[in-house]
Amino acid sequence: MTATRIELVQEEPADQKSAHEGLVVPRASVRRPRSRTYSLTVRALGPLVLLAVWWIASATGALTPDVLASPTDVVRAVGELWGNGQLPDALSTSLTRSGIGLLIGLVAGLTLGVTTGFTRLGDELLDSSLQTLRTIPFLSLVPLFMVWFGINEVAKILLIAVATTFPMYVSTAGGVRNTDRKLVEAMRSFGMSRLAIVREVVLPGALPSLLAGLRLSMTLSVIALIAAEEINATAGIGYLMAQAQSYARTDILAVCILVYGLLGLLADGIVRLLERVLMPWRAAVQGEAR
């Protein structure tokens, strides 16, 4: 009697057995991290497709040389400009302008962002004025800078500095304001000075925002460089473009445009490298998410 009762308790109904047999136990999906070679190959597909379309359009005659030179002519123009020294000189001049202007803009934006984001007095005194100036397109300042500073290098560098200041300012101020105030107050209770708190707590906490501002500023430094070199430049990539336009050299024009694009790509690559070095945990999380 007892054994029979135990068997009856353990036995499941037929309909429940069939239902259980139809269920599939889910398995945890494990994603393997992508290799560096695979990632670089995927990234290169877009530019390679554009290059192939350009080459095919030029080879079939759909794209005539008076509209845009073929890739072969562009490569030939690069060899010509590099051989006579024009391209290295132009690159050196343009990179110097962009670098000095970018450095001034980053220092100004970082200083103003920390001041307005960390102190209430700085926020009340400066933020409204800076937000008003930020809405002014930097290209509209070109005639005014020419009146103030002439057509020398000062006007070009300051134009780049103004263009790169405000992205860094907005990102820095936002990152500083989002710093954990309890942590700041705790550091003050331990007797840390304001400068030490900014250096040891605020800036490390705002690092993602700082790098985002750096990326925007570096991109704008290339855009502002193009505008700055339109101010009666006698050297630089912009000067090469002006000369090529005068002689209808579409191959040299394409070279200059590609150089500007490569400078922007290089700027973005530098920021990505800084993110990997300064925030290695972020790269690891992104790799797992993919």
C-alpha atoms as a PDB file:
ATOM      1  CA  MET A   1       0.000   0.000   0.000  1.00  0.00           C
ATOM      2  CA  THR A   2       2.757   2.442   0.903  1.00  0.00           C
ATOM      3  CA  ALA A   3       4.879   1.668  -2.164  1.00  0.00           C
ATOM      4  CA  THR A   4       1.897   2.094  -4.439  1.00  0.00           C
ATOM      5  CA  ARG A   5       1.111   5.492  -2.920  1.00  0.00           C
ATOM      6  CA  ILE A   6       4.687   6.715  -3.444  1.00  0.00           C
ATOM      7  CA  GLU A   7       4.591   5.691  -7.097  1.00  0.00           C
ATOM      8  CA  LEU A   8       1.328   7.539  -7.583  1.00  0.00           C
ATOM      9  CA  VAL A   9       2.760  10.714  -6.086  1.00  0.00           C
ATOM     10  CA  GLN A  10       5.916  10.623  -8.225  1.00  0.00           C
ATOM     11  CA  GLU A  11       4.156   9.866 -11.490  1.00  0.00           C
ATOM     12  CA  GLU A  12       3.251  12.891 -13.629  1.00  0.00           C
ATOM     13  CA  PRO A  13       0.164  13.185 -15.780  1.00  0.00           C
ATOM     14  CA  ALA A  14       0.606  12.376 -19.463  1.00  0.00           C
ATOM     15  CA  ASP A  15      -0.284  15.895 -20.638  1.00  0.00           C
ATOM     16  CA  GLN A  16       2.349  17.495 -18.338  1.00  0.00           C
ATOM     17  CA  LYS A  17       4.994  15.054 -19.610  1.00  0.00           C
ATOM     18  CA  SER A  18       4.318  15.976 -23.217  1.00  0.00           C
ATOM     19  CA  ALA A  19       4.420  19.664 -22.343  1.00  0.00           C
ATOM     20  CA  HIS A  20       7.772  19.307 -20.588  1.00  0.00           C
ATOM     21  CA  GLU A  21       9.211  17.281 -23.448  1.00  0.00           C
ATOM     22  CA  GLY A  22       8.356  20.103 -25.902  1.00  0.00           C
ATOM     23  CA  LEU A  23      10.265  22.721 -23.928  1.00  0.00           C
ATOM     24  CA  VAL A  24      13.830  23.587 -24.930  1.00  0.00           C
ATOM     25  CA  VAL A  25      16.207  24.771 -22.231  1.00  0.00           C
ATOM     26  CA  PRO A  26      17.706  28.099 -23.372  1.00  0.00           C
ATOM     27  CA  ARG A  27      21.457  28.215 -23.601  1.00  0.00           C
ATOM     28  CA  ALA A  28      23.465  31.278 -22.739  1.00  0.00           C
ATOM     29  CA  SER A  29      24.905  32.759 -25.906  1.00  0.00           C
ATOM     30  CA  VAL A  30      28.590  33.553 -25.636  1.00  0.00           C
ATOM     31  CA  ARG A  31      29.884  36.124 -28.109  1.00  0.00           C
ATOM     32  CA  ARG A  32      33.472  35.890 -29.066  1.00  0.00           C
ATOM     33  CA  PRO A  33      35.324  39.200 -29.201  1.00  0.00           C
ATOM     34  CA  ARG A  34      36.117  40.353 -32.716  1.00  0.00           C
ATOM     35  CA  SER A  35      39.721  40.287 -33.762  1.00  0.00           C
ATOM     36  CA  ARG A  36      41.549  43.503 -34.551  1.00  0.00           C
ATOM     37  CA  THR A  37      42.123  42.416 -38.146  1.00  0.00           C
ATOM     38  CA  TYR A  38      38.428  41.732 -38.708  1.00  0.00           C
ATOM     39  CA  SER A  39      37.430  45.116 -37.253  1.00  0.00           C
ATOM     40  CA  LEU A  40      39.927  47.005 -39.413  1.00  0.00           C
ATOM     41  CA  THR A  41      38.799  45.109 -42.505  1.00  0.00           C
ATOM     42  CA  VAL A  42      35.148  46.032 -41.932  1.00  0.00           C
ATOM     43  CA  ARG A  43      36.077  49.670 -41.351  1.00  0.00           C
ATOM     44  CA  ALA A  44      38.030  49.763 -44.602  1.00  0.00           C
ATOM     45  CA  LEU A  45      35.157  48.426 -46.714  1.00  0.00           C
ATOM     46  CA  GLY A  46      33.366  51.785 -47.013  1.00  0.00           C
ATOM     47  CA  PRO A  47      36.367  53.777 -48.315  1.00  0.00           C
ATOM     48  CA  LEU A  48      37.330  50.917 -50.648  1.00  0.00           C
ATOM     49  CA  VAL A  49      33.834  50.830 -52.149  1.00  0.00           C
ATOM     50  CA  LEU A  50      33.916  54.599 -52.728  1.00  0.00           C
ATOM     51  CA  LEU A  51      37.347  54.289 -54.331  1.00  0.00           C
ATOM     52  CA  ALA A  52      36.100  51.503 -56.609  1.00  0.00           C
ATOM     53  CA  VAL A  53      33.071  53.553 -57.683  1.00  0.00           C
ATOM     54  CA  TRP A  54      35.319  56.559 -58.367  1.00  0.00           C
ATOM     55  CA  TRP A  55      37.727  54.475 -60.445  1.00  0.00           C
ATOM     56  CA  ILE A  56      34.938  52.804 -62.451  1.00  0.00           C
ATOM     57  CA  ALA A  57      33.215  56.126 -63.148  1.00  0.00           C
ATOM     58  CA  SER A  58      36.500  57.631 -64.377  1.00  0.00           C
ATOM     59  CA  ALA A  59      37.422  54.586 -66.470  1.00  0.00           C
ATOM     60  CA  THR A  60      34.039  54.444 -68.199  1.00  0.00           C
ATOM     61  CA  GLY A  61      33.983  58.164 -68.948  1.00  0.00           C
ATOM     62  CA  ALA A  62      30.993  58.884 -66.701  1.00  0.00           C
ATOM     63  CA  LEU A  63      33.279  61.157 -64.672  1.00  0.00           C
ATOM     64  CA  THR A  64      35.336  63.437 -66.919  1.00  0.00           C
ATOM     65  CA  PRO A  65      38.679  64.969 -65.863  1.00  0.00           C
ATOM     66  CA  ASP A  66      37.292  68.508 -65.978  1.00  0.00           C
ATOM     67  CA  VAL A  67      34.819  67.500 -63.244  1.00  0.00           C
ATOM     68  CA  LEU A  68      37.105  65.306 -61.139  1.00  0.00           C
ATOM     69  CA  ALA A  69      40.407  63.679 -61.945  1.00  0.00           C
ATOM     70  CA  SER A  70      40.732  59.911 -61.885  1.00  0.00           C
ATOM     71  CA  PRO A  71      42.421  58.099 -58.969  1.00  0.00           C
ATOM     72  CA  THR A  72      45.437  57.435 -61.189  1.00  0.00           C
ATOM     73  CA  ASP A  73      45.836  61.154 -61.947  1.00  0.00           C
ATOM     74  CA  VAL A  74      45.462  61.984 -58.261  1.00  0.00           C
ATOM     75  CA  VAL A  75      48.212  59.532 -57.323  1.00  0.00           C
ATOM     76  CA  ARG A  76      50.375  61.062 -60.038  1.00  0.00           C
ATOM     77  CA  ALA A  77      49.672  64.547 -58.647  1.00  0.00           C
ATOM     78  CA  VAL A  78      50.697  63.386 -55.159  1.00  0.00           C
ATOM     79  CA  GLY A  79      54.031  62.219 -56.555  1.00  0.00           C
ATOM     80  CA  GLU A  80      54.486  65.516 -58.374  1.00  0.00           C
ATOM     81  CA  LEU A  81      53.701  67.670 -55.339  1.00  0.00           C
ATOM     82  CA  TRP A  82      55.791  65.536 -53.035  1.00  0.00           C
ATOM     83  CA  GLY A  83      58.704  65.466 -55.426  1.00  0.00           C
ATOM     84  CA  ASN A  84      58.940  69.245 -55.789  1.00  0.00           C
ATOM     85  CA  GLY A  85      58.444  69.768 -52.037  1.00  0.00           C
ATOM     86  CA  GLN A  86      55.146  71.649 -52.252  1.00  0.00           C
ATOM     87  CA  LEU A  87      53.060  69.078 -50.393  1.00  0.00           C
ATOM     88  CA  PRO A  88      55.441  68.619 -47.409  1.00  0.00           C
ATOM     89  CA  ASP A  89      55.769  72.407 -47.001  1.00  0.00           C
ATOM     90  CA  ALA A  90      52.010  72.896 -47.222  1.00  0.00           C
ATOM     91  CA  LEU A  91      51.372  70.122 -44.708  1.00  0.00           C
ATOM     92  CA  SER A  92      53.891  71.564 -42.267  1.00  0.00           C
ATOM     93  CA  THR A  93      52.374  75.036 -42.476  1.00  0.00           C
ATOM     94  CA  SER A  94      48.774  73.844 -42.128  1.00  0.00           C
ATOM     95  CA  LEU A  95      49.529  71.487 -39.249  1.00  0.00           C
ATOM     96  CA  THR A  96      51.358  74.264 -37.401  1.00  0.00           C
ATOM     97  CA  ARG A  97      48.409  76.630 -37.768  1.00  0.00           C
ATOM     98  CA  SER A  98      45.883  74.007 -36.764  1.00  0.00           C
ATOM     99  CA  GLY A  99      47.971  72.734 -33.850  1.00  0.00           C
ATOM    100  CA  ILE A 100      48.629  76.139 -32.281  1.00  0.00           C
ATOM    101  CA  GLY A 101      45.025  77.234 -32.690  1.00  0.00           C
ATOM    102  CA  LEU A 102      43.756  73.942 -31.284  1.00  0.00           C
ATOM    103  CA  LEU A 103      46.058  74.168 -28.270  1.00  0.00           C
ATOM    104  CA  ILE A 104      44.871  77.697 -27.460  1.00  0.00           C
ATOM    105  CA  GLY A 105      41.236  76.664 -27.866  1.00  0.00           C
ATOM    106  CA  LEU A 106      41.589  73.565 -25.673  1.00  0.00           C
ATOM    107  CA  VAL A 107      43.291  75.470 -22.852  1.00  0.00           C
ATOM    108  CA  ALA A 108      40.707  78.260 -22.991  1.00  0.00           C
ATOM    109  CA  GLY A 109      37.752  75.876 -23.170  1.00  0.00           C
ATOM    110  CA  LEU A 110      39.077  73.672 -20.359  1.00  0.00           C
ATOM    111  CA  THR A 111      39.761  76.640 -18.074  1.00  0.00           C
ATOM    112  CA  LEU A 112      36.394  78.277 -18.703  1.00  0.00           C
ATOM    113  CA  GLY A 113      34.536  74.971 -18.397  1.00  0.00           C
ATOM    114  CA  VAL A 114      36.084  74.148 -15.020  1.00  0.00           C
ATOM    115  CA  THR A 115      35.459  77.704 -13.781  1.00  0.00           C
ATOM    116  CA  THR A 116      31.773  77.771 -14.684  1.00  0.00           C
ATOM    117  CA  GLY A 117      31.121  74.137 -13.832  1.00  0.00           C
ATOM    118  CA  PHE A 118      32.843  74.057 -10.451  1.00  0.00           C
ATOM    119  CA  THR A 119      32.123  77.507  -9.016  1.00  0.00           C
ATOM    120  CA  ARG A 120      28.730  79.177  -8.711  1.00  0.00           C
ATOM    121  CA  LEU A 121      30.228  82.651  -9.124  1.00  0.00           C
ATOM    122  CA  GLY A 122      31.948  81.659 -12.354  1.00  0.00           C
ATOM    123  CA  ASP A 123      28.722  80.147 -13.656  1.00  0.00           C
ATOM    124  CA  GLU A 124      26.747  83.300 -12.897  1.00  0.00           C
ATOM    125  CA  LEU A 125      29.370  85.646 -14.357  1.00  0.00           C
ATOM    126  CA  LEU A 126      30.516  83.789 -17.464  1.00  0.00           C
ATOM    127  CA  ASP A 127      28.094  81.124 -18.645  1.00  0.00           C
ATOM    128  CA  SER A 128      25.395  83.364 -20.137  1.00  0.00           C
ATOM    129  CA  SER A 129      27.966  85.426 -22.069  1.00  0.00           C
ATOM    130  CA  LEU A 130      29.790  82.333 -23.329  1.00  0.00           C
ATOM    131  CA  GLN A 131      26.564  80.657 -24.401  1.00  0.00           C
ATOM    132  CA  THR A 132      25.702  83.790 -26.397  1.00  0.00           C
ATOM    133  CA  LEU A 133      29.105  83.862 -28.083  1.00  0.00           C
ATOM    134  CA  ARG A 134      28.860  80.144 -28.806  1.00  0.00           C
ATOM    135  CA  THR A 135      25.878  80.682 -31.092  1.00  0.00           C
ATOM    136  CA  ILE A 136      27.857  83.022 -33.368  1.00  0.00           C
ATOM    137  CA  PRO A 137      29.220  81.110 -36.406  1.00  0.00           C
ATOM    138  CA  PHE A 138      32.984  81.373 -36.405  1.00  0.00           C
ATOM    139  CA  LEU A 139      32.962  81.894 -40.179  1.00  0.00           C
ATOM    140  CA  SER A 140      31.189  85.224 -39.634  1.00  0.00           C
ATOM    141  CA  LEU A 141      34.249  86.414 -37.695  1.00  0.00           C
ATOM    142  CA  VAL A 142      36.583  86.182 -40.690  1.00  0.00           C
ATOM    143  CA  PRO A 143      36.002  89.774 -41.949  1.00  0.00           C
ATOM    144  CA  LEU A 144      36.235  91.160 -38.422  1.00  0.00           C
ATOM    145  CA  PHE A 145      39.485  89.313 -37.712  1.00  0.00           C
ATOM    146  CA  MET A 146      40.944  90.609 -40.955  1.00  0.00           C
ATOM    147  CA  VAL A 147      40.153  94.169 -39.810  1.00  0.00           C
ATOM    148  CA  TRP A 148      41.533  93.593 -36.326  1.00  0.00           C
ATOM    149  CA  PHE A 149      44.632  91.497 -37.031  1.00  0.00           C
ATOM    150  CA  GLY A 150      45.246  91.909 -40.745  1.00  0.00           C
ATOM    151  CA  ILE A 151      45.937  89.000 -43.073  1.00  0.00           C
ATOM    152  CA  ASN A 152      48.874  87.547 -41.153  1.00  0.00           C
ATOM    153  CA  GLU A 153      49.132  84.300 -39.214  1.00  0.00           C
ATOM    154  CA  VAL A 154      47.569  85.764 -36.048  1.00  0.00           C
ATOM    155  CA  ALA A 155      44.120  86.032 -37.638  1.00  0.00           C
ATOM    156  CA  LYS A 156      44.276  82.457 -38.937  1.00  0.00           C
ATOM    157  CA  ILE A 157      45.386  80.962 -35.624  1.00  0.00           C
ATOM    158  CA  LEU A 158      42.861  82.932 -33.567  1.00  0.00           C
ATOM    159  CA  LEU A 159      40.032  81.880 -35.874  1.00  0.00           C
ATOM    160  CA  ILE A 160      40.920  78.228 -35.269  1.00  0.00           C
ATOM    161  CA  ALA A 161      41.217  78.930 -31.528  1.00  0.00           C
ATOM    162  CA  VAL A 162      37.752  80.481 -31.369  1.00  0.00           C
ATOM    163  CA  ALA A 163      36.216  77.595 -33.314  1.00  0.00           C
ATOM    164  CA  THR A 164      37.716  74.992 -30.971  1.00  0.00           C
ATOM    165  CA  THR A 165      37.116  76.770 -27.663  1.00  0.00           C
ATOM    166  CA  PHE A 166      33.362  76.372 -27.349  1.00  0.00           C
ATOM    167  CA  PRO A 167      33.008  72.609 -27.957  1.00  0.00           C
ATOM    168  CA  MET A 168      35.628  72.025 -25.279  1.00  0.00           C
ATOM    169  CA  TYR A 169      33.940  74.527 -22.970  1.00  0.00           C
ATOM    170  CA  VAL A 170      30.472  72.961 -23.249  1.00  0.00           C
ATOM    171  CA  SER A 171      31.758  69.402 -22.753  1.00  0.00           C
ATOM    172  CA  THR A 172      33.992  70.355 -19.828  1.00  0.00           C
ATOM    173  CA  ALA A 173      31.308  72.378 -18.040  1.00  0.00           C
ATOM    174  CA  GLY A 174      28.784  69.562 -18.431  1.00  0.00           C
ATOM    175  CA  GLY A 175      31.234  66.924 -17.207  1.00  0.00           C
ATOM    176  CA  VAL A 176      32.282  68.991 -14.195  1.00  0.00           C
ATOM    177  CA  ARG A 177      28.670  69.688 -13.201  1.00  0.00           C
ATOM    178  CA  ASN A 178      27.915  65.955 -13.289  1.00  0.00           C
ATOM    179  CA  THR A 179      30.695  65.162 -10.825  1.00  0.00           C
ATOM    180  CA  ASP A 180      29.451  63.476  -7.660  1.00  0.00           C
ATOM    181  CA  ARG A 181      28.970  66.339  -5.178  1.00  0.00           C
ATOM    182  CA  LYS A 182      29.088  63.997  -2.202  1.00  0.00           C
ATOM    183  CA  LEU A 183      32.557  62.923  -3.213  1.00  0.00           C
ATOM    184  CA  VAL A 184      33.627  66.562  -3.587  1.00  0.00           C
ATOM    185  CA  GLU A 185      32.264  67.421  -0.131  1.00  0.00           C
ATOM    186  CA  ALA A 186      34.026  64.395   1.330  1.00  0.00           C
ATOM    187  CA  MET A 187      37.341  65.549  -0.102  1.00  0.00           C
ATOM    188  CA  ARG A 188      36.753  69.032   1.313  1.00  0.00           C
ATOM    189  CA  SER A 189      36.123  67.541   4.741  1.00  0.00           C
ATOM    190  CA  PHE A 190      39.546  65.898   4.507  1.00  0.00           C
ATOM    191  CA  GLY A 191      41.094  69.328   3.980  1.00  0.00           C
ATOM    192  CA  MET A 192      41.863  69.143   0.242  1.00  0.00           C
ATOM    193  CA  SER A 193      42.190  72.472  -1.517  1.00  0.00           C
ATOM    194  CA  ARG A 194      40.001  73.437  -4.464  1.00  0.00           C
ATOM    195  CA  LEU A 195      42.860  73.010  -6.898  1.00  0.00           C
ATOM    196  CA  ALA A 196      43.612  69.538  -5.559  1.00  0.00           C
ATOM    197  CA  ILE A 197      39.941  68.541  -5.767  1.00  0.00           C
ATOM    198  CA  VAL A 198      39.767  69.681  -9.372  1.00  0.00           C
ATOM    199  CA  ARG A 199      42.948  67.806 -10.229  1.00  0.00           C
ATOM    200  CA  GLU A 200      42.281  64.600  -8.293  1.00  0.00           C
ATOM    201  CA  VAL A 201      38.482  64.280  -8.364  1.00  0.00           C
ATOM    202  CA  VAL A 202      36.695  66.568 -10.821  1.00  0.00           C
ATOM    203  CA  LEU A 203      38.821  66.133 -13.943  1.00  0.00           C
ATOM    204  CA  PRO A 204      39.111  62.322 -13.671  1.00  0.00           C
ATOM    205  CA  GLY A 205      35.336  62.117 -13.157  1.00  0.00           C
ATOM    206  CA  ALA A 206      34.696  64.325 -16.175  1.00  0.00           C
ATOM    207  CA  LEU A 207      37.151  62.441 -18.395  1.00  0.00           C
ATOM    208  CA  PRO A 208      34.529  60.990 -20.819  1.00  0.00           C
ATOM    209  CA  SER A 209      33.106  64.474 -21.398  1.00  0.00           C
ATOM    210  CA  LEU A 210      36.592  65.920 -21.831  1.00  0.00           C
ATOM    211  CA  LEU A 211      37.443  63.379 -24.515  1.00  0.00           C
ATOM    212  CA  ALA A 212      34.129  64.046 -26.277  1.00  0.00           C
ATOM    213  CA  GLY A 213      34.958  67.755 -26.307  1.00  0.00           C
ATOM    214  CA  LEU A 214      38.444  66.995 -27.571  1.00  0.00           C
ATOM    215  CA  ARG A 215      37.018  64.979 -30.473  1.00  0.00           C
ATOM    216  CA  LEU A 216      34.684  67.818 -31.488  1.00  0.00           C
ATOM    217  CA  SER A 217      37.395  70.446 -31.121  1.00  0.00           C
ATOM    218  CA  MET A 218      39.910  68.501 -33.189  1.00  0.00           C
ATOM    219  CA  THR A 219      37.345  68.010 -35.942  1.00  0.00           C
ATOM    220  CA  LEU A 220      36.464  71.696 -35.921  1.00  0.00           C
ATOM    221  CA  SER A 221      40.141  72.623 -36.030  1.00  0.00           C
ATOM    222  CA  VAL A 222      40.345  71.038 -39.500  1.00  0.00           C
ATOM    223  CA  ILE A 223      37.146  72.791 -40.639  1.00  0.00           C
ATOM    224  CA  ALA A 224      38.362  76.129 -39.282  1.00  0.00           C
ATOM    225  CA  LEU A 225      41.738  75.555 -40.956  1.00  0.00           C
ATOM    226  CA  ILE A 226      40.021  75.458 -44.339  1.00  0.00           C
ATOM    227  CA  ALA A 227      38.304  78.776 -43.601  1.00  0.00           C
ATOM    228  CA  ALA A 228      41.446  80.325 -42.122  1.00  0.00           C
ATOM    229  CA  GLU A 229      43.537  79.489 -45.152  1.00  0.00           C
ATOM    230  CA  GLU A 230      41.116  81.434 -47.316  1.00  0.00           C
ATOM    231  CA  ILE A 231      42.410  84.637 -45.662  1.00  0.00           C
ATOM    232  CA  ASN A 232      44.981  85.533 -48.313  1.00  0.00           C
ATOM    233  CA  ALA A 233      47.163  82.524 -47.534  1.00  0.00           C
ATOM    234  CA  THR A 234      50.574  82.307 -49.200  1.00  0.00           C
ATOM    235  CA  ALA A 235      51.361  78.822 -47.894  1.00  0.00           C
ATOM    236  CA  GLY A 236      49.511  75.759 -46.728  1.00  0.00           C
ATOM    237  CA  ILE A 237      46.961  73.340 -48.159  1.00  0.00           C
ATOM    238  CA  GLY A 238      44.518  76.195 -48.759  1.00  0.00           C
ATOM    239  CA  TYR A 239      47.105  77.999 -50.850  1.00  0.00           C
ATOM    240  CA  LEU A 240      47.614  74.870 -52.950  1.00  0.00           C
ATOM    241  CA  MET A 241      43.863  74.696 -53.500  1.00  0.00           C
ATOM    242  CA  ALA A 242      43.719  78.328 -54.602  1.00  0.00           C
ATOM    243  CA  GLN A 243      46.558  77.767 -57.064  1.00  0.00           C
ATOM    244  CA  ALA A 244      44.960  74.584 -58.395  1.00  0.00           C
ATOM    245  CA  GLN A 245      41.653  76.377 -58.852  1.00  0.00           C
ATOM    246  CA  SER A 246      43.341  79.086 -60.918  1.00  0.00           C
ATOM    247  CA  TYR A 247      44.776  76.491 -63.311  1.00  0.00           C
ATOM    248  CA  ALA A 248      41.745  74.141 -63.218  1.00  0.00           C
ATOM    249  CA  ARG A 249      43.865  71.297 -61.792  1.00  0.00           C
ATOM    250  CA  THR A 250      41.170  68.994 -60.476  1.00  0.00           C
ATOM    251  CA  ASP A 251      43.804  66.406 -59.616  1.00  0.00           C
ATOM    252  CA  ILE A 252      45.529  68.781 -57.162  1.00  0.00           C
ATOM    253  CA  LEU A 253      42.157  69.910 -55.822  1.00  0.00           C
ATOM    254  CA  ALA A 254      41.308  66.264 -55.109  1.00  0.00           C
ATOM    255  CA  VAL A 255      44.670  65.809 -53.369  1.00  0.00           C
ATOM    256  CA  CYS A 256      44.002  68.789 -51.088  1.00  0.00           C
ATOM    257  CA  ILE A 257      40.486  67.572 -50.255  1.00  0.00           C
ATOM    258  CA  LEU A 258      41.825  64.113 -49.438  1.00  0.00           C
ATOM    259  CA  VAL A 259      44.507  65.646 -47.218  1.00  0.00           C
ATOM    260  CA  TYR A 260      41.871  67.549 -45.246  1.00  0.00           C
ATOM    261  CA  GLY A 261      39.872  64.343 -44.891  1.00  0.00           C
ATOM    262  CA  LEU A 262      42.908  62.390 -43.716  1.00  0.00           C
ATOM    263  CA  LEU A 263      43.677  65.098 -41.144  1.00  0.00           C
ATOM    264  CA  GLY A 264      40.167  64.722 -39.744  1.00  0.00           C
ATOM    265  CA  LEU A 265      40.530  60.938 -39.695  1.00  0.00           C
ATOM    266  CA  LEU A 266      43.882  61.255 -37.928  1.00  0.00           C
ATOM    267  CA  ALA A 267      42.355  63.552 -35.303  1.00  0.00           C
ATOM    268  CA  ASP A 268      39.590  61.033 -34.598  1.00  0.00           C
ATOM    269  CA  GLY A 269      42.148  58.219 -34.388  1.00  0.00           C
ATOM    270  CA  ILE A 270      44.180  60.143 -31.815  1.00  0.00           C
ATOM    271  CA  VAL A 271      41.124  60.596 -29.605  1.00  0.00           C
ATOM    272  CA  ARG A 272      40.235  56.903 -29.921  1.00  0.00           C
ATOM    273  CA  LEU A 273      43.763  56.004 -28.865  1.00  0.00           C
ATOM    274  CA  LEU A 274      43.522  58.324 -25.859  1.00  0.00           C
ATOM    275  CA  GLU A 275      40.246  56.668 -24.881  1.00  0.00           C
ATOM    276  CA  ARG A 276      41.900  53.252 -24.960  1.00  0.00           C
ATOM    277  CA  VAL A 277      44.833  54.473 -22.859  1.00  0.00           C
ATOM    278  CA  LEU A 278      42.956  56.635 -20.339  1.00  0.00           C
ATOM    279  CA  MET A 279      39.748  54.562 -20.105  1.00  0.00           C
ATOM    280  CA  PRO A 280      40.653  50.916 -20.816  1.00  0.00           C
ATOM    281  CA  TRP A 281      37.523  49.660 -19.052  1.00  0.00           C
ATOM    282  CA  ARG A 282      35.333  51.436 -21.612  1.00  0.00           C
ATOM    283  CA  ALA A 283      36.955  49.613 -24.522  1.00  0.00           C
ATOM    284  CA  ALA A 284      36.479  46.290 -22.706  1.00  0.00           C
ATOM    285  CA  VAL A 285      32.767  46.953 -22.102  1.00  0.00           C
ATOM    286  CA  GLN A 286      32.226  47.955 -25.731  1.00  0.00           C
ATOM    287  CA  GLY A 287      33.996  44.809 -26.900  1.00  0.00           C
ATOM    288  CA  GLU A 288      31.732  42.622 -24.778  1.00  0.00           C
ATOM    289  CA  ALA A 289      28.621  44.456 -25.995  1.00  0.00           C
ATOM    290  CA  ARG A 290      29.492  43.728 -29.615  1.00  0.00           C
END
